[in-house]
Structure formats: structure tokens, C-alpha cells
PDB file of N, CA and C in Angstrom:
ATOM      1  N   UNK A   1     -27.979  41.167  -9.896  1.00  0.00           N
ATOM      2  CA  UNK A   1     -27.730  40.289  -8.763  1.00  0.00           C
ATOM      3  C   UNK A   1     -26.874  39.108  -9.199  1.00  0.00           C
ATOM      4  N   UNK A   2     -26.120  38.598  -8.241  1.00  0.00           N
ATOM      5  CA  UNK A   2     -25.275  37.451  -8.520  1.00  0.00           C
ATOM      6  C   UNK A   2     -26.040  36.150  -8.448  1.00  0.00           C
ATOM      7  N   UNK A   3     -25.371  35.093  -8.713  1.00  0.00           N
ATOM      8  CA  UNK A   3     -25.991  33.772  -8.656  1.00  0.00           C
ATOM      9  C   UNK A   3     -26.279  33.386  -7.213  1.00  0.00           C
ATOM     10  N   UNK A   4     -27.351  32.627  -7.036  1.00  0.00           N
ATOM     11  CA  UNK A   4     -27.700  32.116  -5.712  1.00  0.00           C
ATOM     12  C   UNK A   4     -26.764  30.959  -5.410  1.00  0.00           C
ATOM     13  N   UNK A   5     -26.230  30.941  -4.197  1.00  0.00           N
ATOM     14  CA  UNK A   5     -25.212  29.960  -3.830  1.00  0.00           C
ATOM     15  C   UNK A   5     -25.635  29.251  -2.558  1.00  0.00           C
ATOM     16  N   UNK A   6     -25.669  27.939  -2.598  1.00  0.00           N
ATOM     17  CA  UNK A   6     -25.978  27.159  -1.406  1.00  0.00           C
ATOM     18  C   UNK A   6     -24.684  27.037  -0.595  1.00  0.00           C
ATOM     19  N   UNK A   7     -24.667  27.639   0.591  1.00  0.00           N
ATOM     20  CA  UNK A   7     -23.451  27.673   1.390  1.00  0.00           C
ATOM     21  C   UNK A   7     -23.025  26.291   1.875  1.00  0.00           C
ATOM     22  N   UNK A   8     -23.995  25.424   2.159  1.00  0.00           N
ATOM     23  CA  UNK A   8     -23.644  24.072   2.597  1.00  0.00           C
ATOM     24  C   UNK A   8     -22.917  23.315   1.490  1.00  0.00           C
ATOM     25  N   UNK A   9     -23.419  23.415   0.269  1.00  0.00           N
ATOM     26  CA  UNK A   9     -22.769  22.740  -0.851  1.00  0.00           C
ATOM     27  C   UNK A   9     -21.391  23.325  -1.108  1.00  0.00           C
ATOM     28  N   UNK A  10     -21.266  24.640  -1.021  1.00  0.00           N
ATOM     29  CA  UNK A  10     -19.971  25.286  -1.252  1.00  0.00           C
ATOM     30  C   UNK A  10     -18.971  24.864  -0.184  1.00  0.00           C
ATOM     31  N   UNK A  11     -19.410  24.788   1.055  1.00  0.00           N
ATOM     32  CA  UNK A  11     -18.540  24.385   2.156  1.00  0.00           C
ATOM     33  C   UNK A  11     -18.067  22.930   1.959  1.00  0.00           C
ATOM     34  N   UNK A  12     -18.985  22.050   1.586  1.00  0.00           N
ATOM     35  CA  UNK A  12     -18.635  20.648   1.358  1.00  0.00           C
ATOM     36  C   UNK A  12     -17.676  20.510   0.177  1.00  0.00           C
ATOM     37  N   UNK A  13     -17.910  21.264  -0.904  1.00  0.00           N
ATOM     38  CA  UNK A  13     -17.037  21.200  -2.072  1.00  0.00           C
ATOM     39  C   UNK A  13     -15.626  21.652  -1.696  1.00  0.00           C
ATOM     40  N   UNK A  14     -15.532  22.736  -0.918  1.00  0.00           N
ATOM     41  CA  UNK A  14     -14.228  23.244  -0.496  1.00  0.00           C
ATOM     42  C   UNK A  14     -13.511  22.213   0.390  1.00  0.00           C
ATOM     43  N   UNK A  15     -14.263  21.557   1.272  1.00  0.00           N
ATOM     44  CA  UNK A  15     -13.677  20.535   2.150  1.00  0.00           C
ATOM     45  C   UNK A  15     -13.162  19.353   1.324  1.00  0.00           C
ATOM     46  N   UNK A  16     -13.936  18.923   0.322  1.00  0.00           N
ATOM     47  CA  UNK A  16     -13.499  17.819  -0.550  1.00  0.00           C
ATOM     48  C   UNK A  16     -12.239  18.190  -1.317  1.00  0.00           C
ATOM     49  N   UNK A  17     -12.173  19.418  -1.813  1.00  0.00           N
ATOM     50  CA  UNK A  17     -10.994  19.865  -2.557  1.00  0.00           C
ATOM     51  C   UNK A  17      -9.753  19.885  -1.673  1.00  0.00           C
ATOM     52  N   UNK A  18      -9.914  20.350  -0.419  1.00  0.00           N
ATOM     53  CA  UNK A  18      -8.782  20.341   0.517  1.00  0.00           C
ATOM     54  C   UNK A  18      -8.330  18.917   0.815  1.00  0.00           C
ATOM     55  N   UNK A  19      -9.305  18.017   1.020  1.00  0.00           N
ATOM     56  CA  UNK A  19      -8.972  16.622   1.314  1.00  0.00           C
ATOM     57  C   UNK A  19      -8.259  15.976   0.123  1.00  0.00           C
ATOM     58  N   UNK A  20      -8.730  16.266  -1.087  1.00  0.00           N
ATOM     59  CA  UNK A  20      -8.095  15.712  -2.283  1.00  0.00           C
ATOM     60  C   UNK A  20      -6.674  16.225  -2.433  1.00  0.00           C
ATOM     61  N   UNK A  21      -6.473  17.517  -2.157  1.00  0.00           N
ATOM     62  CA  UNK A  21      -5.128  18.095  -2.243  1.00  0.00           C
ATOM     63  C   UNK A  21      -4.206  17.461  -1.205  1.00  0.00           C
ATOM     64  N   UNK A  22      -4.723  17.244   0.007  1.00  0.00           N
ATOM     65  CA  UNK A  22      -3.922  16.604   1.057  1.00  0.00           C
ATOM     66  C   UNK A  22      -3.584  15.168   0.665  1.00  0.00           C
ATOM     67  N   UNK A  23      -4.537  14.442   0.101  1.00  0.00           N
ATOM     68  CA  UNK A  23      -4.300  13.061  -0.328  1.00  0.00           C
ATOM     69  C   UNK A  23      -3.243  13.011  -1.429  1.00  0.00           C
ATOM     70  N   UNK A  24      -3.301  13.938  -2.364  1.00  0.00           N
ATOM     71  CA  UNK A  24      -2.297  13.986  -3.427  1.00  0.00           C
ATOM     72  C   UNK A  24      -0.911  14.270  -2.856  1.00  0.00           C
ATOM     73  N   UNK A  25      -0.846  15.183  -1.897  1.00  0.00           N
ATOM     74  CA  UNK A  25       0.442  15.501  -1.274  1.00  0.00           C
ATOM     75  C   UNK A  25       0.993  14.293  -0.525  1.00  0.00           C
ATOM     76  N   UNK A  26       0.122  13.572   0.179  1.00  0.00           N
ATOM     77  CA  UNK A  26       0.563  12.378   0.900  1.00  0.00           C
ATOM     78  C   UNK A  26       1.029  11.288  -0.059  1.00  0.00           C
ATOM     79  N   UNK A  27       0.343  11.152  -1.185  1.00  0.00           N
ATOM     80  CA  UNK A  27       0.729  10.138  -2.164  1.00  0.00           C
ATOM     81  C   UNK A  27       2.118  10.440  -2.722  1.00  0.00           C
ATOM     82  N   UNK A  28       2.396  11.708  -2.953  1.00  0.00           N
ATOM     83  CA  UNK A  28       3.718  12.085  -3.460  1.00  0.00           C
ATOM     84  C   UNK A  28       4.777  11.859  -2.392  1.00  0.00           C
ATOM     85  N   UNK A  29       4.433  12.200  -1.160  1.00  0.00           N
ATOM     86  CA  UNK A  29       5.401  12.127  -0.071  1.00  0.00           C
ATOM     87  C   UNK A  29       5.685  10.684   0.356  1.00  0.00           C
ATOM     88  N   UNK A  30       4.651   9.844   0.441  1.00  0.00           N
ATOM     89  CA  UNK A  30       4.799   8.507   1.010  1.00  0.00           C
ATOM     90  C   UNK A  30       4.615   7.368   0.015  1.00  0.00           C
ATOM     91  N   UNK A  31       4.050   7.657  -1.125  1.00  0.00           N
ATOM     92  CA  UNK A  31       3.713   6.602  -2.057  1.00  0.00           C
ATOM     93  C   UNK A  31       4.919   6.056  -2.806  1.00  0.00           C
ATOM     94  N   UNK A  32       4.734   4.867  -3.376  1.00  0.00           N
ATOM     95  CA  UNK A  32       5.777   4.264  -4.198  1.00  0.00           C
ATOM     96  C   UNK A  32       5.199   4.018  -5.584  1.00  0.00           C
ATOM     97  N   UNK A  33       6.053   4.063  -6.577  1.00  0.00           N
ATOM     98  CA  UNK A  33       5.586   3.803  -7.931  1.00  0.00           C
ATOM     99  C   UNK A  33       5.348   2.311  -8.105  1.00  0.00           C
ATOM    100  N   UNK A  34       4.652   1.967  -9.165  1.00  0.00           N
ATOM    101  CA  UNK A  34       4.366   0.564  -9.449  1.00  0.00           C
ATOM    102  C   UNK A  34       5.668  -0.206  -9.656  1.00  0.00           C
ATOM    103  N   UNK A  35       6.634   0.406 -10.318  1.00  0.00           N
ATOM    104  CA  UNK A  35       7.927  -0.247 -10.559  1.00  0.00           C
ATOM    105  C   UNK A  35       8.646  -0.528  -9.234  1.00  0.00           C
ATOM    106  N   UNK A  36       8.567   0.419  -8.297  1.00  0.00           N
ATOM    107  CA  UNK A  36       9.211   0.207  -6.995  1.00  0.00           C
ATOM    108  C   UNK A  36       8.540  -0.930  -6.230  1.00  0.00           C
ATOM    109  N   UNK A  37       7.206  -0.997  -6.282  1.00  0.00           N
ATOM    110  CA  UNK A  37       6.494  -2.093  -5.600  1.00  0.00           C
ATOM    111  C   UNK A  37       6.852  -3.438  -6.220  1.00  0.00           C
ATOM    112  N   UNK A  38       6.903  -3.497  -7.553  1.00  0.00           N
ATOM    113  CA  UNK A  38       7.238  -4.761  -8.224  1.00  0.00           C
ATOM    114  C   UNK A  38       8.676  -5.176  -7.939  1.00  0.00           C
ATOM    115  N   UNK A  39       9.581  -4.215  -7.878  1.00  0.00           N
ATOM    116  CA  UNK A  39      10.973  -4.526  -7.562  1.00  0.00           C
ATOM    117  C   UNK A  39      11.082  -5.084  -6.143  1.00  0.00           C
ATOM    118  N   UNK A  40      10.375  -4.486  -5.199  1.00  0.00           N
ATOM    119  CA  UNK A  40      10.403  -4.968  -3.815  1.00  0.00           C
ATOM    120  C   UNK A  40       9.811  -6.367  -3.733  1.00  0.00           C
ATOM    121  N   UNK A  41       8.726  -6.623  -4.474  1.00  0.00           N
ATOM    122  CA  UNK A  41       8.108  -7.947  -4.483  1.00  0.00           C
ATOM    123  C   UNK A  41       9.078  -8.977  -5.056  1.00  0.00           C
ATOM    124  N   UNK A  42       9.762  -8.642  -6.141  1.00  0.00           N
ATOM    125  CA  UNK A  42      10.720  -9.560  -6.753  1.00  0.00           C
ATOM    126  C   UNK A  42      11.900  -9.816  -5.813  1.00  0.00           C
ATOM    127  N   UNK A  43      12.370  -8.771  -5.132  1.00  0.00           N
ATOM    128  CA  UNK A  43      13.483  -8.933  -4.194  1.00  0.00           C
ATOM    129  C   UNK A  43      13.082  -9.839  -3.036  1.00  0.00           C
ATOM    130  N   UNK A  44      11.847  -9.680  -2.534  1.00  0.00           N
ATOM    131  CA  UNK A  44      11.368 -10.561  -1.458  1.00  0.00           C
ATOM    132  C   UNK A  44      11.328 -12.003  -1.922  1.00  0.00           C
ATOM    133  N   UNK A  45      10.881 -12.232  -3.169  1.00  0.00           N
ATOM    134  CA  UNK A  45      10.822 -13.591  -3.703  1.00  0.00           C
ATOM    135  C   UNK A  45      12.225 -14.190  -3.804  1.00  0.00           C
ATOM    136  N   UNK A  46      13.197 -13.397  -4.255  1.00  0.00           N
ATOM    137  CA  UNK A  46      14.575 -13.884  -4.329  1.00  0.00           C
ATOM    138  C   UNK A  46      15.133 -14.188  -2.941  1.00  0.00           C
ATOM    139  N   UNK A  47      14.851 -13.308  -1.991  1.00  0.00           N
ATOM    140  CA  UNK A  47      15.319 -13.528  -0.627  1.00  0.00           C
ATOM    141  C   UNK A  47      14.715 -14.791  -0.030  1.00  0.00           C
ATOM    142  N   UNK A  48      13.419 -15.006  -0.261  1.00  0.00           N
ATOM    143  CA  UNK A  48      12.762 -16.216   0.240  1.00  0.00           C
ATOM    144  C   UNK A  48      13.343 -17.464  -0.405  1.00  0.00           C
ATOM    145  N   UNK A  49      13.596 -17.412  -1.706  1.00  0.00           N
ATOM    146  CA  UNK A  49      14.166 -18.561  -2.402  1.00  0.00           C
ATOM    147  C   UNK A  49      15.573 -18.863  -1.882  1.00  0.00           C
ATOM    148  N   UNK A  50      16.353 -17.824  -1.639  1.00  0.00           N
ATOM    149  CA  UNK A  50      17.704 -18.026  -1.126  1.00  0.00           C
ATOM    150  C   UNK A  50      17.656 -18.606   0.286  1.00  0.00           C
ATOM    151  N   UNK A  51      16.745 -18.111   1.098  1.00  0.00           N
ATOM    152  CA  UNK A  51      16.621 -18.613   2.453  1.00  0.00           C
ATOM    153  C   UNK A  51      16.178 -20.070   2.453  1.00  0.00           C
ATOM    154  N   UNK A  52      15.207 -20.410   1.617  1.00  0.00           N
ATOM    155  CA  UNK A  52      14.756 -21.795   1.530  1.00  0.00           C
ATOM    156  C   UNK A  52      15.859 -22.700   0.983  1.00  0.00           C
ATOM    157  N   UNK A  53      16.678 -22.171   0.077  1.00  0.00           N
ATOM    158  CA  UNK A  53      17.770 -22.963  -0.473  1.00  0.00           C
ATOM    159  C   UNK A  53      18.897 -23.167   0.515  1.00  0.00           C
ATOM    160  N   UNK A  54      18.932 -22.390   1.567  1.00  0.00           N
ATOM    161  CA  UNK A  54      19.996 -22.507   2.557  1.00  0.00           C
ATOM    162  C   UNK A  54      19.630 -23.433   3.708  1.00  0.00           C
ATOM    163  N   UNK A  55      18.518 -24.112   3.622  1.00  0.00           N
ATOM    164  CA  UNK A  55      18.112 -25.028   4.693  1.00  0.00           C
ATOM    165  C   UNK A  55      19.077 -26.205   4.767  1.00  0.00           C
ATOM    166  N   UNK A  56      19.303 -26.661   5.971  1.00  0.00           N
ATOM    167  CA  UNK A  56      20.198 -27.799   6.161  1.00  0.00           C
ATOM    168  C   UNK A  56      19.492 -29.106   5.859  1.00  0.00           C
ATOM    169  N   UNK A  57      18.205 -29.156   6.095  1.00  0.00           N
ATOM    170  CA  UNK A  57      17.429 -30.355   5.792  1.00  0.00           C
ATOM    171  C   UNK A  57      16.107 -29.930   5.180  1.00  0.00           C
ATOM    172  N   UNK A  58      15.515 -30.758   4.355  1.00  0.00           N
ATOM    173  CA  UNK A  58      14.249 -30.372   3.733  1.00  0.00           C
ATOM    174  C   UNK A  58      13.144 -30.287   4.790  1.00  0.00           C
ATOM    175  N   UNK A  59      12.147 -29.470   4.550  1.00  0.00           N
ATOM    176  CA  UNK A  59      11.053 -29.371   5.524  1.00  0.00           C
ATOM    177  C   UNK A  59      10.264 -30.663   5.596  1.00  0.00           C
ATOM    178  N   UNK A  60       9.837 -31.004   6.801  1.00  0.00           N
ATOM    179  CA  UNK A  60       9.035 -32.215   6.985  1.00  0.00           C
ATOM    180  C   UNK A  60       7.572 -31.866   6.751  1.00  0.00           C
ATOM    181  N   UNK A  61       6.797 -32.794   6.226  1.00  0.00           N
ATOM    182  CA  UNK A  61       5.388 -32.501   5.945  1.00  0.00           C
ATOM    183  C   UNK A  61       4.568 -32.212   7.211  1.00  0.00           C
ATOM    184  N   UNK A  62       4.983 -32.736   8.364  1.00  0.00           N
ATOM    185  CA  UNK A  62       4.208 -32.523   9.585  1.00  0.00           C
ATOM    186  C   UNK A  62       4.608 -31.236  10.313  1.00  0.00           C
ATOM    187  N   UNK A  63       5.495 -30.409   9.751  1.00  0.00           N
ATOM    188  CA  UNK A  63       5.891 -29.146  10.380  1.00  0.00           C
ATOM    189  C   UNK A  63       4.751 -28.136  10.403  1.00  0.00           C
ATOM    190  N   UNK A  64       3.805 -28.271   9.489  1.00  0.00           N
ATOM    191  CA  UNK A  64       2.717 -27.314   9.394  1.00  0.00           C
ATOM    192  C   UNK A  64       1.672 -27.514  10.480  1.00  0.00           C
ATOM    193  N   UNK A  65       1.627 -28.682  11.100  1.00  0.00           N
ATOM    194  CA  UNK A  65       0.596 -28.994  12.082  1.00  0.00           C
ATOM    195  C   UNK A  65       1.114 -28.718  13.488  1.00  0.00           C
ATOM    196  N   UNK A  66       0.177 -28.444  14.398  1.00  0.00           N
ATOM    197  CA  UNK A  66       0.532 -28.275  15.804  1.00  0.00           C
ATOM    198  C   UNK A  66       0.802 -29.625  16.434  1.00  0.00           C
ATOM    199  N   UNK A  67       1.655 -29.650  17.445  1.00  0.00           N
ATOM    200  CA  UNK A  67       1.984 -30.903  18.136  1.00  0.00           C
ATOM    201  C   UNK A  67       1.053 -31.153  19.310  1.00  0.00           C
ATOM    202  N   UNK A  68      -0.149 -30.584  19.302  1.00  0.00           N
ATOM    203  CA  UNK A  68      -1.076 -30.731  20.410  1.00  0.00           C
ATOM    204  C   UNK A  68      -1.727 -32.076  20.430  1.00  0.00           C
TER     205      UNK A  68
END
């Protein structure tokens, strides 16, 4: 006789394996590498610095508060 197999456990294991395979496929399809994320973060910082440097007048300290 073969080994006794719990069908509920086998079904759950198969479902987890399918989900893991789908997650891996999505990560390859949509994910970005750490280097790409860091490059985008650095580019955003440069863009923000350039934009702030292009201001015609310095920011006023009361700009952060509402005028209510």
C-alpha cells in the first residue's frame, strides 16, 4: 500500500506553490532591482534640488501654515 495522504493538506500545499509561482512571475514582470530603485530615488533628489534652486524668492517661514 502507498502512503496515507491528507487531501486537505495536499490541496493547500498545491495552492501555496501556485501562489508562490505567480508571485515570482509578477516580481520578474513588474519588479525593479535595488539599483533601479536607488537610481530613481537619487534622480528625484536631484530634481527636487534643481527645482528648489530655481525659485525666484526664498520660501517664507509662514508658507507652511494655513491662512485661516
